[in-house]
Structure formats: C-alpha cells, structure tokens
Amino acid sequence: MLKFKFKQLLAEKEFNDGQTVTITDVAKATGINRMTLSKIANKKGCSTVTDNIDKLCAYFGCEVSDLVEYVEE
C-alpha cells in the first residue's frame, strides 16, 4: 500500500514559511482539486494519478520518495 506523507510536508512548509498553509492554498497553487488533496491527506490507501504526484513534488520542492512511501499491509 502507498502511504502519502502529505500532512508531514504541509507541516514542514508551514514551519519553514512561518505561516499557515491550507489544503485550499495547495489546491489553488497546484490546480489539484481540493477534495482530491483531502483524500490524499486523510484516506488510508488513497489512489491518485501520477500528474498529481508530480504537481505536489513541484509545489513542495521534494522527491517522490519524500511524498510517497510503500508500506506492507
């Protein structure tokens, strides 16, 4: 199963930028639907397209492995 580390990256961005960053902020900046981001953040085993992973990596300035981790079920 793939585990998204979206919430961790969001918290790190907030800390580094010194301001609150909401899912809505990320949605506006990336063009990813807010509901999709909410599922990535909160739904265990969420599935998404690679384009979204690409956009999130660009937004956070990270590698795929910083965003997604494989864990055995």
C-alpha atoms as a PDB file:
ATOM      1  CA  MET A   1       0.000   0.000   0.000  1.00  0.00           C
ATOM      2  CA  LEU A   2       1.198   3.523  -0.689  1.00  0.00           C
ATOM      3  CA  LYS A   3       1.288   5.962   2.200  1.00  0.00           C
ATOM      4  CA  PHE A   4       1.237   9.677   1.423  1.00  0.00           C
ATOM      5  CA  LYS A   5       3.313  11.950   3.642  1.00  0.00           C
ATOM      6  CA  PHE A   6       1.304  14.982   2.535  1.00  0.00           C
ATOM      7  CA  LYS A   7       0.463  16.173   6.056  1.00  0.00           C
ATOM      8  CA  GLN A   8       4.130  15.998   7.076  1.00  0.00           C
ATOM      9  CA  LEU A   9       5.207  18.042   4.066  1.00  0.00           C
ATOM     10  CA  LEU A  10       2.433  20.533   4.727  1.00  0.00           C
ATOM     11  CA  ALA A  11       3.560  20.959   8.353  1.00  0.00           C
ATOM     12  CA  GLU A  12       7.191  21.394   7.257  1.00  0.00           C
ATOM     13  CA  LYS A  13       6.171  24.023   4.689  1.00  0.00           C
ATOM     14  CA  GLU A  14       4.175  25.899   7.328  1.00  0.00           C
ATOM     15  CA  PHE A  15       7.153  25.831   9.696  1.00  0.00           C
ATOM     16  CA  ASN A  16       9.644  26.926   7.033  1.00  0.00           C
ATOM     17  CA  ASP A  17       7.395  29.661   5.605  1.00  0.00           C
ATOM     18  CA  GLY A  18       6.248  30.845   9.031  1.00  0.00           C
ATOM     19  CA  GLN A  19       2.598  30.899   8.025  1.00  0.00           C
ATOM     20  CA  THR A  20      -0.413  28.613   7.837  1.00  0.00           C
ATOM     21  CA  VAL A  21      -0.772  26.667   4.586  1.00  0.00           C
ATOM     22  CA  THR A  22      -4.183  25.113   3.997  1.00  0.00           C
ATOM     23  CA  ILE A  23      -5.322  22.406   1.626  1.00  0.00           C
ATOM     24  CA  THR A  24      -7.173  25.148  -0.250  1.00  0.00           C
ATOM     25  CA  ASP A  25      -3.881  27.042  -0.670  1.00  0.00           C
ATOM     26  CA  VAL A  26      -2.235  23.932  -2.106  1.00  0.00           C
ATOM     27  CA  ALA A  27      -5.226  23.321  -4.394  1.00  0.00           C
ATOM     28  CA  LYS A  28      -5.030  26.852  -5.789  1.00  0.00           C
ATOM     29  CA  ALA A  29      -1.256  26.663  -6.289  1.00  0.00           C
ATOM     30  CA  THR A  30      -1.239  23.222  -7.934  1.00  0.00           C
ATOM     31  CA  GLY A  31      -4.576  23.028  -9.724  1.00  0.00           C
ATOM     32  CA  ILE A  32      -5.376  19.782  -7.891  1.00  0.00           C
ATOM     33  CA  ASN A  33      -8.981  19.512  -6.715  1.00  0.00           C
ATOM     34  CA  ARG A  34      -9.327  20.282  -3.006  1.00  0.00           C
ATOM     35  CA  MET A  35     -11.317  17.080  -2.416  1.00  0.00           C
ATOM     36  CA  THR A  36      -8.523  15.033  -4.021  1.00  0.00           C
ATOM     37  CA  LEU A  37      -5.984  16.655  -1.692  1.00  0.00           C
ATOM     38  CA  SER A  38      -8.245  15.981   1.275  1.00  0.00           C
ATOM     39  CA  LYS A  39      -8.399  12.291   0.317  1.00  0.00           C
ATOM     40  CA  ILE A  40      -4.609  12.158  -0.090  1.00  0.00           C
ATOM     41  CA  ALA A  41      -4.242  13.719   3.361  1.00  0.00           C
ATOM     42  CA  ASN A  42      -6.837  11.659   5.208  1.00  0.00           C
ATOM     43  CA  LYS A  43      -7.794   8.444   3.412  1.00  0.00           C
ATOM     44  CA  LYS A  44      -5.662   5.378   4.062  1.00  0.00           C
ATOM     45  CA  GLY A  45      -4.688   3.717   0.784  1.00  0.00           C
ATOM     46  CA  CYS A  46      -5.833   6.657  -1.348  1.00  0.00           C
ATOM     47  CA  SER A  47      -5.127   6.353  -5.062  1.00  0.00           C
ATOM     48  CA  THR A  48      -4.259   9.265  -7.329  1.00  0.00           C
ATOM     49  CA  VAL A  49      -2.823   9.903 -10.780  1.00  0.00           C
ATOM     50  CA  THR A  50       0.892  10.468 -11.327  1.00  0.00           C
ATOM     51  CA  ASP A  51       0.213  14.003 -12.557  1.00  0.00           C
ATOM     52  CA  ASN A  52      -0.940  14.915  -9.039  1.00  0.00           C
ATOM     53  CA  ILE A  53       2.194  13.408  -7.530  1.00  0.00           C
ATOM     54  CA  ASP A  54       4.273  15.426  -9.991  1.00  0.00           C
ATOM     55  CA  LYS A  55       2.456  18.662  -9.106  1.00  0.00           C
ATOM     56  CA  LEU A  56       2.810  18.053  -5.374  1.00  0.00           C
ATOM     57  CA  CYS A  57       6.531  17.312  -5.687  1.00  0.00           C
ATOM     58  CA  ALA A  58       6.969  20.558  -7.631  1.00  0.00           C
ATOM     59  CA  TYR A  59       4.951  22.500  -5.038  1.00  0.00           C
ATOM     60  CA  PHE A  60       6.872  21.139  -2.049  1.00  0.00           C
ATOM     61  CA  GLY A  61      10.204  21.024  -3.900  1.00  0.00           C
ATOM     62  CA  CYS A  62      10.658  17.380  -2.969  1.00  0.00           C
ATOM     63  CA  GLU A  63      11.335  13.954  -4.425  1.00  0.00           C
ATOM     64  CA  VAL A  64       8.606  11.343  -4.901  1.00  0.00           C
ATOM     65  CA  SER A  65      10.071   9.348  -2.000  1.00  0.00           C
ATOM     66  CA  ASP A  66       9.527  12.384   0.253  1.00  0.00           C
ATOM     67  CA  LEU A  67       5.825  12.355  -0.629  1.00  0.00           C
ATOM     68  CA  VAL A  68       5.003   8.663  -1.069  1.00  0.00           C
ATOM     69  CA  GLU A  69       6.186   5.642   0.909  1.00  0.00           C
ATOM     70  CA  TYR A  70       5.467   1.954   0.317  1.00  0.00           C
ATOM     71  CA  VAL A  71       4.272   0.071   3.409  1.00  0.00           C
ATOM     72  CA  GLU A  72       3.261  -3.558   3.549  1.00  0.00           C
ATOM     73  CA  GLU A  73      -0.315  -4.206   4.542  1.00  0.00           C
END
